[in-house]
Amino acid sequence: MKAKLLMLLLTTLFISPMSEAATKKRKIIYYKEAARAKHITTRAPIDYTIEVTDNETSLQIVFLFPLHEADITVTDKNGNVVIEENQINLYEGKALYIYSPKAYPYTLVLTSPAIDITGEIISEEEN
């Protein structure tokens, strides 16, 4: 009888933390483009797509297009510059990281001879 009671208590100790983890709210991070201005028309259309992903420790910004001589600035909600890259060459899959992201929304400004893009990185809680 004591062994059954002990086993019941042990199983409740193992099940309760796992059930809390299953109901934990998950953050949804997405990129919303505010403005785009193309300066050069190319023969082949280029899809200027930017993806963002978030885990517990960092925010990853991935550029899915090539671009030459680009200036990238990312600022937080207080106007502090978090990332500043000048005259870099973007290639498809280039990633930039923000470690310990806390100050959402972030504003991304990309300026190059070919295109100017302004967007916002927003975080929402999922129910």
N, C-alpha and C. Protein backbone atom coordinates (compact mmCIF):
# COMPACT_ATOMS: atom_id res chain seq x y z
N MET A 1 0.82 -1.19 0.00
CA MET A 1 0.00 0.00 0.00
C MET A 1 0.88 1.26 0.00
N LYS A 2 1.92 1.25 0.85
CA LYS A 2 2.81 2.40 0.90
C LYS A 2 3.57 2.56 -0.42
N ALA A 3 3.91 1.45 -1.04
CA ALA A 3 4.63 1.51 -2.31
C ALA A 3 3.74 2.12 -3.40
N LYS A 4 2.44 1.76 -3.41
CA LYS A 4 1.52 2.33 -4.40
C LYS A 4 1.36 3.83 -4.18
N LEU A 5 1.27 4.24 -2.93
CA LEU A 5 1.13 5.66 -2.62
C LEU A 5 2.39 6.43 -3.03
N LEU A 6 3.53 5.85 -2.78
CA LEU A 6 4.80 6.47 -3.16
C LEU A 6 4.91 6.59 -4.69
N MET A 7 4.51 5.56 -5.42
CA MET A 7 4.54 5.59 -6.89
C MET A 7 3.57 6.64 -7.42
N LEU A 8 2.40 6.78 -6.80
CA LEU A 8 1.42 7.78 -7.21
C LEU A 8 1.96 9.19 -7.01
N LEU A 9 2.62 9.43 -5.89
CA LEU A 9 3.20 10.74 -5.63
C LEU A 9 4.34 11.06 -6.62
N LEU A 10 5.17 10.07 -6.91
CA LEU A 10 6.26 10.27 -7.85
C LEU A 10 5.74 10.57 -9.27
N THR A 11 4.70 9.89 -9.69
CA THR A 11 4.16 10.15 -11.02
C THR A 11 3.55 11.54 -11.11
N THR A 12 2.90 12.02 -10.05
CA THR A 12 2.34 13.38 -10.09
C THR A 12 3.46 14.42 -10.14
N LEU A 13 4.60 14.13 -9.48
CA LEU A 13 5.72 15.06 -9.55
C LEU A 13 6.30 15.15 -10.95
N PHE A 14 6.30 14.04 -11.69
CA PHE A 14 6.83 14.05 -13.04
C PHE A 14 5.84 14.60 -14.06
N ILE A 15 4.56 14.37 -13.86
CA ILE A 15 3.55 14.80 -14.83
C ILE A 15 3.26 16.29 -14.72
N SER A 16 3.21 16.85 -13.54
CA SER A 16 2.80 18.25 -13.39
C SER A 16 3.76 19.24 -14.06
N PRO A 17 5.09 19.11 -13.99
CA PRO A 17 5.93 20.06 -14.73
C PRO A 17 5.79 19.93 -16.24
N MET A 18 5.55 18.74 -16.74
CA MET A 18 5.40 18.56 -18.17
C MET A 18 4.09 19.14 -18.67
N SER A 19 3.04 19.07 -17.87
CA SER A 19 1.77 19.64 -18.31
C SER A 19 1.85 21.16 -18.31
N GLU A 20 2.63 21.77 -17.42
CA GLU A 20 2.82 23.21 -17.43
C GLU A 20 3.61 23.64 -18.66
N ALA A 21 4.58 22.84 -19.06
CA ALA A 21 5.37 23.17 -20.24
C ALA A 21 4.51 23.11 -21.50
N ALA A 22 3.54 22.21 -21.52
CA ALA A 22 2.68 22.09 -22.69
C ALA A 22 1.74 23.28 -22.82
N THR A 23 1.39 23.93 -21.73
CA THR A 23 0.47 25.07 -21.79
C THR A 23 1.19 26.41 -21.82
N LYS A 24 2.52 26.40 -21.86
CA LYS A 24 3.29 27.64 -21.90
C LYS A 24 3.01 28.41 -23.18
N LYS A 25 2.82 29.71 -23.07
CA LYS A 25 2.53 30.52 -24.24
C LYS A 25 3.79 30.67 -25.09
N ARG A 26 3.58 30.63 -26.39
CA ARG A 26 4.68 30.71 -27.34
C ARG A 26 4.65 32.07 -28.01
N LYS A 27 5.83 32.66 -28.21
CA LYS A 27 5.91 33.94 -28.90
C LYS A 27 5.90 33.72 -30.40
N ILE A 28 5.16 34.57 -31.10
CA ILE A 28 5.17 34.56 -32.55
C ILE A 28 5.91 35.81 -33.00
N ILE A 29 6.96 35.62 -33.78
CA ILE A 29 7.76 36.72 -34.28
C ILE A 29 7.52 36.81 -35.78
N TYR A 30 7.22 38.01 -36.27
CA TYR A 30 7.07 38.16 -37.69
C TYR A 30 7.57 39.52 -38.15
N TYR A 31 7.85 39.60 -39.46
CA TYR A 31 8.37 40.81 -40.07
C TYR A 31 7.26 41.43 -40.90
N LYS A 32 7.03 42.72 -40.70
CA LYS A 32 6.00 43.45 -41.43
C LYS A 32 6.67 44.59 -42.18
N GLU A 33 6.58 44.55 -43.49
CA GLU A 33 7.24 45.58 -44.30
C GLU A 33 6.39 46.84 -44.33
N ALA A 34 7.04 47.98 -44.10
CA ALA A 34 6.35 49.26 -44.09
C ALA A 34 6.47 49.99 -45.41
N ALA A 35 7.65 49.98 -46.02
CA ALA A 35 7.87 50.70 -47.27
C ALA A 35 8.94 50.01 -48.10
N ARG A 36 8.80 50.12 -49.43
CA ARG A 36 9.78 49.57 -50.35
C ARG A 36 9.87 50.51 -51.55
N ALA A 37 11.08 50.87 -51.93
CA ALA A 37 11.30 51.73 -53.09
C ALA A 37 12.40 51.13 -53.95
N LYS A 38 12.03 50.66 -55.15
CA LYS A 38 13.01 50.08 -56.08
C LYS A 38 13.63 51.18 -56.91
N HIS A 39 14.94 51.14 -57.07
CA HIS A 39 15.66 52.12 -57.85
C HIS A 39 16.10 51.57 -59.20
N ILE A 40 16.30 50.27 -59.28
CA ILE A 40 16.80 49.63 -60.49
C ILE A 40 15.83 48.52 -60.89
N THR A 41 15.51 48.46 -62.16
CA THR A 41 14.68 47.37 -62.67
C THR A 41 15.60 46.34 -63.29
N THR A 42 15.48 45.10 -62.82
CA THR A 42 16.34 44.03 -63.33
C THR A 42 15.57 43.20 -64.35
N ARG A 43 16.31 42.44 -65.15
CA ARG A 43 15.67 41.57 -66.14
C ARG A 43 14.91 40.44 -65.48
N ALA A 44 15.52 39.84 -64.48
CA ALA A 44 14.87 38.77 -63.74
C ALA A 44 14.31 39.36 -62.45
N PRO A 45 13.05 39.12 -62.17
CA PRO A 45 12.48 39.68 -60.93
C PRO A 45 13.13 39.06 -59.69
N ILE A 46 13.42 39.90 -58.73
CA ILE A 46 14.02 39.44 -57.48
C ILE A 46 12.98 39.56 -56.38
N ASP A 47 12.80 38.50 -55.63
CA ASP A 47 11.87 38.51 -54.51
C ASP A 47 12.63 38.93 -53.27
N TYR A 48 12.38 40.13 -52.80
CA TYR A 48 13.08 40.67 -51.63
C TYR A 48 12.36 40.21 -50.36
N THR A 49 12.69 39.00 -49.92
CA THR A 49 12.04 38.40 -48.76
C THR A 49 12.99 38.40 -47.57
N ILE A 50 12.45 38.79 -46.42
CA ILE A 50 13.21 38.77 -45.17
C ILE A 50 12.43 37.91 -44.19
N GLU A 51 13.09 36.93 -43.57
CA GLU A 51 12.45 36.06 -42.59
C GLU A 51 13.08 36.29 -41.22
N VAL A 52 12.28 36.19 -40.18
CA VAL A 52 12.78 36.30 -38.81
C VAL A 52 12.33 35.08 -38.01
N THR A 53 13.23 34.60 -37.16
CA THR A 53 12.92 33.51 -36.25
C THR A 53 13.48 33.87 -34.88
N ASP A 54 12.87 33.30 -33.87
CA ASP A 54 13.25 33.62 -32.50
C ASP A 54 13.33 32.33 -31.70
N ASN A 55 14.36 32.24 -30.88
CA ASN A 55 14.40 31.18 -29.89
C ASN A 55 14.58 31.85 -28.53
N GLU A 56 14.92 31.14 -27.52
CA GLU A 56 15.01 31.70 -26.18
C GLU A 56 16.12 32.73 -26.02
N THR A 57 17.18 32.63 -26.82
CA THR A 57 18.35 33.48 -26.59
C THR A 57 18.63 34.51 -27.67
N SER A 58 18.10 34.34 -28.88
CA SER A 58 18.45 35.27 -29.96
C SER A 58 17.33 35.42 -30.98
N LEU A 59 17.42 36.50 -31.72
CA LEU A 59 16.52 36.77 -32.84
C LEU A 59 17.37 36.70 -34.10
N GLN A 60 16.93 35.91 -35.08
CA GLN A 60 17.69 35.72 -36.31
C GLN A 60 16.94 36.39 -37.46
N ILE A 61 17.64 37.25 -38.20
CA ILE A 61 17.09 37.92 -39.37
C ILE A 61 17.80 37.36 -40.59
N VAL A 62 17.05 36.73 -41.51
CA VAL A 62 17.63 36.07 -42.68
C VAL A 62 17.17 36.78 -43.94
N PHE A 63 18.12 37.17 -44.78
CA PHE A 63 17.84 37.82 -46.05
C PHE A 63 17.88 36.76 -47.14
N LEU A 64 16.79 36.59 -47.86
CA LEU A 64 16.68 35.53 -48.86
C LEU A 64 16.90 36.04 -50.28
N PHE A 65 17.77 37.03 -50.42
CA PHE A 65 18.05 37.60 -51.73
C PHE A 65 19.47 38.16 -51.73
N PRO A 66 20.11 38.22 -52.89
CA PRO A 66 21.45 38.83 -52.97
C PRO A 66 21.31 40.34 -53.18
N LEU A 67 22.27 41.10 -52.62
CA LEU A 67 22.26 42.56 -52.76
C LEU A 67 23.67 43.07 -52.50
N HIS A 68 24.11 44.04 -53.29
CA HIS A 68 25.46 44.58 -53.17
C HIS A 68 25.43 45.97 -52.56
N GLU A 69 26.45 46.26 -51.77
CA GLU A 69 26.67 47.57 -51.14
C GLU A 69 25.44 48.05 -50.36
N ALA A 70 24.99 47.23 -49.45
CA ALA A 70 23.79 47.55 -48.67
C ALA A 70 24.19 48.09 -47.30
N ASP A 71 23.40 49.04 -46.82
CA ASP A 71 23.52 49.54 -45.45
C ASP A 71 22.31 49.04 -44.68
N ILE A 72 22.56 48.34 -43.57
CA ILE A 72 21.48 47.77 -42.77
C ILE A 72 21.57 48.36 -41.36
N THR A 73 20.44 48.85 -40.88
CA THR A 73 20.36 49.38 -39.52
C THR A 73 19.12 48.79 -38.85
N VAL A 74 19.32 48.23 -37.66
CA VAL A 74 18.21 47.72 -36.87
C VAL A 74 18.21 48.48 -35.56
N THR A 75 17.07 49.10 -35.22
CA THR A 75 16.94 49.84 -33.97
C THR A 75 15.81 49.23 -33.14
N ASP A 76 15.93 49.38 -31.82
CA ASP A 76 14.89 48.86 -30.93
C ASP A 76 13.82 49.93 -30.71
N LYS A 77 12.86 49.63 -29.83
CA LYS A 77 11.73 50.55 -29.62
C LYS A 77 12.16 51.87 -28.99
N ASN A 78 13.32 51.89 -28.35
CA ASN A 78 13.82 53.12 -27.72
C ASN A 78 14.68 53.94 -28.66
N GLY A 79 14.90 53.47 -29.87
CA GLY A 79 15.73 54.18 -30.84
C GLY A 79 17.20 53.85 -30.76
N ASN A 80 17.58 52.89 -29.93
CA ASN A 80 18.98 52.47 -29.81
C ASN A 80 19.34 51.57 -30.99
N VAL A 81 20.49 51.80 -31.59
CA VAL A 81 20.95 50.99 -32.72
C VAL A 81 21.46 49.66 -32.19
N VAL A 82 20.86 48.57 -32.66
CA VAL A 82 21.24 47.23 -32.23
C VAL A 82 22.21 46.60 -33.22
N ILE A 83 21.93 46.78 -34.52
CA ILE A 83 22.80 46.28 -35.59
C ILE A 83 23.02 47.41 -36.57
N GLU A 84 24.28 47.60 -36.97
CA GLU A 84 24.58 48.57 -38.02
C GLU A 84 25.67 47.97 -38.90
N GLU A 85 25.30 47.68 -40.12
CA GLU A 85 26.22 47.12 -41.11
C GLU A 85 26.25 48.07 -42.30
N ASN A 86 27.45 48.54 -42.68
CA ASN A 86 27.59 49.48 -43.79
C ASN A 86 28.35 48.86 -44.94
N GLN A 87 27.85 49.09 -46.16
CA GLN A 87 28.50 48.66 -47.40
C GLN A 87 28.81 47.16 -47.40
N ILE A 88 27.85 46.35 -47.00
CA ILE A 88 28.06 44.90 -47.01
C ILE A 88 27.39 44.31 -48.24
N ASN A 89 27.88 43.16 -48.63
CA ASN A 89 27.28 42.42 -49.73
C ASN A 89 26.43 41.30 -49.14
N LEU A 90 25.14 41.38 -49.38
CA LEU A 90 24.23 40.33 -48.91
C LEU A 90 24.22 39.21 -49.92
N TYR A 91 24.17 38.01 -49.45
CA TYR A 91 23.99 36.86 -50.31
C TYR A 91 22.77 36.12 -49.81
N GLU A 92 22.24 35.25 -50.63
CA GLU A 92 21.03 34.53 -50.25
C GLU A 92 21.31 33.66 -49.03
N GLY A 93 20.57 33.89 -47.95
CA GLY A 93 20.74 33.15 -46.72
C GLY A 93 21.59 33.86 -45.69
N LYS A 94 22.01 35.09 -45.95
CA LYS A 94 22.80 35.87 -44.98
C LYS A 94 21.95 36.11 -43.74
N ALA A 95 22.53 35.88 -42.56
CA ALA A 95 21.80 36.01 -41.31
C ALA A 95 22.48 37.03 -40.40
N LEU A 96 21.68 37.82 -39.74
CA LEU A 96 22.14 38.73 -38.69
C LEU A 96 21.43 38.33 -37.40
N TYR A 97 22.09 38.55 -36.27
CA TYR A 97 21.54 38.09 -34.99
C TYR A 97 21.44 39.24 -33.99
N ILE A 98 20.37 39.20 -33.21
CA ILE A 98 20.21 40.07 -32.05
C ILE A 98 20.15 39.14 -30.85
N TYR A 99 21.12 39.26 -29.97
CA TYR A 99 21.16 38.38 -28.81
C TYR A 99 20.36 38.99 -27.66
N SER A 100 19.61 38.19 -26.96
CA SER A 100 18.73 38.59 -25.87
C SER A 100 17.75 39.68 -26.30
N PRO A 101 16.88 39.38 -27.28
CA PRO A 101 15.94 40.41 -27.75
C PRO A 101 14.85 40.67 -26.71
N LYS A 102 14.73 41.90 -26.27
CA LYS A 102 13.73 42.27 -25.27
C LYS A 102 12.92 43.48 -25.68
N ALA A 103 13.46 44.36 -26.53
CA ALA A 103 12.85 45.66 -26.81
C ALA A 103 12.09 45.65 -28.14
N TYR A 104 11.04 44.82 -28.23
CA TYR A 104 10.21 44.80 -29.43
C TYR A 104 9.32 46.03 -29.45
N PRO A 105 8.96 46.55 -30.59
CA PRO A 105 9.31 46.17 -31.95
C PRO A 105 10.66 46.71 -32.37
N TYR A 106 11.31 46.00 -33.28
CA TYR A 106 12.56 46.45 -33.87
C TYR A 106 12.26 47.02 -35.26
N THR A 107 12.96 48.07 -35.63
CA THR A 107 12.79 48.67 -36.95
C THR A 107 14.02 48.34 -37.79
N LEU A 108 13.79 47.79 -38.99
CA LEU A 108 14.86 47.41 -39.91
C LEU A 108 14.83 48.37 -41.09
N VAL A 109 15.97 48.98 -41.37
CA VAL A 109 16.11 49.87 -42.53
C VAL A 109 17.25 49.34 -43.38
N LEU A 110 16.95 49.00 -44.65
CA LEU A 110 17.94 48.50 -45.59
C LEU A 110 18.00 49.50 -46.75
N THR A 111 19.19 50.03 -47.01
CA THR A 111 19.38 51.00 -48.08
C THR A 111 20.50 50.50 -48.99
N SER A 112 20.23 50.49 -50.29
CA SER A 112 21.23 50.09 -51.27
C SER A 112 20.97 50.84 -52.57
N PRO A 113 21.90 50.75 -53.54
CA PRO A 113 21.64 51.39 -54.83
C PRO A 113 20.44 50.79 -55.57
N ALA A 114 20.08 49.54 -55.28
CA ALA A 114 19.00 48.88 -55.99
C ALA A 114 17.63 49.07 -55.33
N ILE A 115 17.57 49.10 -54.00
CA ILE A 115 16.28 49.12 -53.31
C ILE A 115 16.43 49.70 -51.91
N ASP A 116 15.38 50.32 -51.43
CA ASP A 116 15.29 50.77 -50.03
C ASP A 116 14.11 50.07 -49.39
N ILE A 117 14.34 49.44 -48.24
CA ILE A 117 13.28 48.71 -47.54
C ILE A 117 13.25 49.18 -46.10
N THR A 118 12.05 49.43 -45.60
CA THR A 118 11.85 49.75 -44.19
C THR A 118 10.78 48.79 -43.66
N GLY A 119 11.07 48.16 -42.53
CA GLY A 119 10.12 47.21 -41.96
C GLY A 119 10.22 47.15 -40.47
N GLU A 120 9.32 46.34 -39.87
CA GLU A 120 9.23 46.24 -38.43
C GLU A 120 9.18 44.78 -38.03
N ILE A 121 9.91 44.42 -36.97
CA ILE A 121 9.91 43.07 -36.43
C ILE A 121 9.09 43.11 -35.15
N ILE A 122 8.01 42.33 -35.12
CA ILE A 122 7.02 42.41 -34.05
C ILE A 122 6.92 41.06 -33.35
N SER A 123 6.66 41.10 -32.04
CA SER A 123 6.48 39.89 -31.24
C SER A 123 5.07 39.89 -30.67
N GLU A 124 4.40 38.74 -30.77
CA GLU A 124 3.08 38.57 -30.17
C GLU A 124 3.05 37.27 -29.39
N GLU A 125 2.24 37.22 -28.36
CA GLU A 125 2.07 36.00 -27.58
C GLU A 125 0.95 35.18 -28.19
N GLU A 126 1.17 33.86 -28.36
CA GLU A 126 0.16 32.96 -28.88
C GLU A 126 -0.57 32.33 -27.71
N ASN A 127 -1.88 32.24 -27.83
CA ASN A 127 -2.68 31.63 -26.74
C ASN A 127 -2.76 30.14 -26.91
